[in-house]
Amino acid sequence: MTSVGGGHIELDERGVARVAGTRHKVKMIVLDQLAHGWSPEEIHFQYPQLSLAQIHAALAYYYDHKAEIDSQMAQDHEEFRQLWEQDQDSAIRRRLSEMGLTRRNRSF
């Protein structure tokens, strides 16, 4: 891993930014902030193993590299969407649907 961002951030072999010494990806911390509106203090409450300095470094790294990380997040979203669509047409899903066992066919 390559250390960047004042030593708090590392880039893995694929160029994905992580909090140094952890498995936490910068983009996941950012997604939590964007999705939930969490402050750095709330992120720290949710991830007590991360220091506030690490959280601030992750957020600072994001804002310094916003276009790149936004692109990674969009690519992740597209890959997930494609996998989800493939799953909707799987043989097992068709069989479960025929049996009335998929969520769409359940009547609770």
Protein backbone atom coordinates (compact mmCIF):
# COMPACT_ATOMS: atom_id res chain seq x y z
CA MET A 1 0.00 0.00 0.00
CA THR A 2 1.07 3.52 -0.76
CA SER A 3 0.74 6.09 2.02
CA VAL A 4 -0.95 9.38 1.09
CA GLY A 5 -2.93 12.03 2.92
CA GLY A 6 -0.55 12.82 5.75
CA GLY A 7 -0.08 9.18 6.67
CA HIS A 8 -3.73 8.56 7.58
CA ILE A 9 -4.71 7.31 4.12
CA GLU A 10 -3.27 4.49 2.01
CA LEU A 11 -3.95 3.43 -1.56
CA ASP A 12 -4.27 -0.30 -2.11
CA GLU A 13 -2.98 -2.12 -5.19
CA ARG A 14 -6.16 -1.15 -7.10
CA GLY A 15 -5.87 2.52 -6.17
CA VAL A 16 -8.69 2.41 -3.63
CA ALA A 17 -8.14 4.80 -0.71
CA ARG A 18 -8.36 3.25 2.76
CA VAL A 19 -7.79 4.53 6.27
CA ALA A 20 -4.18 3.53 7.00
CA GLY A 21 -3.82 0.37 9.04
CA THR A 22 -7.50 -0.56 8.67
CA ARG A 23 -9.81 -2.17 6.15
CA HIS A 24 -12.07 0.92 6.05
CA LYS A 25 -12.43 2.42 2.59
CA VAL A 26 -12.62 6.20 2.33
CA LYS A 27 -15.59 5.89 -0.02
CA MET A 28 -17.57 3.89 2.57
CA ILE A 29 -17.04 6.57 5.21
CA VAL A 30 -18.11 9.18 2.66
CA LEU A 31 -21.19 7.16 1.69
CA ASP A 32 -22.20 7.01 5.35
CA GLN A 33 -21.82 10.76 5.62
CA LEU A 34 -23.77 11.41 2.42
CA ALA A 35 -26.51 8.85 3.03
CA HIS A 36 -27.09 9.57 6.71
CA GLY A 37 -25.87 13.15 7.01
CA TRP A 38 -23.49 12.07 9.75
CA SER A 39 -21.01 14.52 11.22
CA PRO A 40 -17.43 13.33 11.83
CA GLU A 41 -18.41 12.85 15.49
CA GLU A 42 -21.36 10.62 14.52
CA ILE A 43 -19.14 8.64 12.15
CA HIS A 44 -16.75 8.18 15.08
CA PHE A 45 -19.66 6.97 17.23
CA GLN A 46 -20.55 4.44 14.52
CA TYR A 47 -16.90 3.46 13.95
CA PRO A 48 -15.28 3.83 17.39
CA GLN A 49 -12.16 2.03 16.17
CA LEU A 50 -11.40 5.05 13.97
CA SER A 51 -10.02 8.21 15.52
CA LEU A 52 -11.50 11.59 14.68
CA ALA A 53 -8.20 12.41 12.97
CA GLN A 54 -8.59 9.37 10.71
CA ILE A 55 -12.19 10.30 9.90
CA HIS A 56 -11.29 13.91 9.12
CA ALA A 57 -8.38 12.67 6.98
CA ALA A 58 -10.74 10.36 5.06
CA LEU A 59 -13.20 13.18 4.44
CA ALA A 60 -10.41 15.59 3.47
CA TYR A 61 -8.98 13.01 1.09
CA TYR A 62 -12.41 12.61 -0.47
CA TYR A 63 -12.86 16.34 -1.04
CA ASP A 64 -9.33 16.58 -2.48
CA HIS A 65 -10.05 13.64 -4.84
CA LYS A 66 -13.80 13.99 -5.24
CA ALA A 67 -14.08 13.29 -8.98
CA GLU A 68 -11.96 10.14 -8.73
CA ILE A 69 -13.81 8.71 -5.71
CA ASP A 70 -17.22 9.69 -7.10
CA SER A 71 -16.25 7.77 -10.24
CA GLN A 72 -15.28 4.71 -8.15
CA MET A 73 -18.62 4.89 -6.31
CA ALA A 74 -20.54 5.19 -9.59
CA GLN A 75 -18.66 2.20 -10.99
CA ASP A 76 -19.43 0.19 -7.83
CA HIS A 77 -23.10 1.13 -8.15
CA GLU A 78 -23.20 0.09 -11.81
CA GLU A 79 -21.53 -3.26 -11.05
CA PHE A 80 -24.06 -3.87 -8.28
CA ARG A 81 -26.95 -2.95 -10.60
CA GLN A 82 -25.71 -5.37 -13.27
CA LEU A 83 -25.32 -8.18 -10.74
CA TRP A 84 -28.78 -7.47 -9.36
CA GLU A 85 -30.29 -7.61 -12.85
CA GLN A 86 -28.51 -10.89 -13.59
CA ASP A 87 -29.83 -12.30 -10.33
CA GLN A 88 -33.40 -11.38 -11.25
CA ASP A 89 -33.25 -13.80 -14.16
CA SER A 90 -31.42 -16.69 -12.50
CA ALA A 91 -32.72 -20.25 -12.76
CA ILE A 92 -33.18 -20.50 -9.00
CA ARG A 93 -35.16 -17.25 -8.87
CA ARG A 94 -37.42 -18.47 -11.70
CA ARG A 95 -38.00 -21.74 -9.86
CA LEU A 96 -38.72 -19.95 -6.57
CA SER A 97 -41.08 -17.63 -8.41
CA GLU A 98 -42.94 -20.60 -9.87
CA MET A 99 -43.30 -21.91 -6.31
CA GLY A 100 -44.54 -18.51 -5.11
CA LEU A 101 -41.54 -18.07 -2.81
CA THR A 102 -40.03 -14.84 -4.08
CA ARG A 103 -40.68 -11.58 -2.29
CA ARG A 104 -42.68 -10.27 -5.21
CA ASN A 105 -45.04 -13.22 -5.02
CA ARG A 106 -45.43 -13.38 -1.27
CA SER A 107 -48.66 -12.19 0.22
CA PHE A 108 -48.00 -11.29 3.82
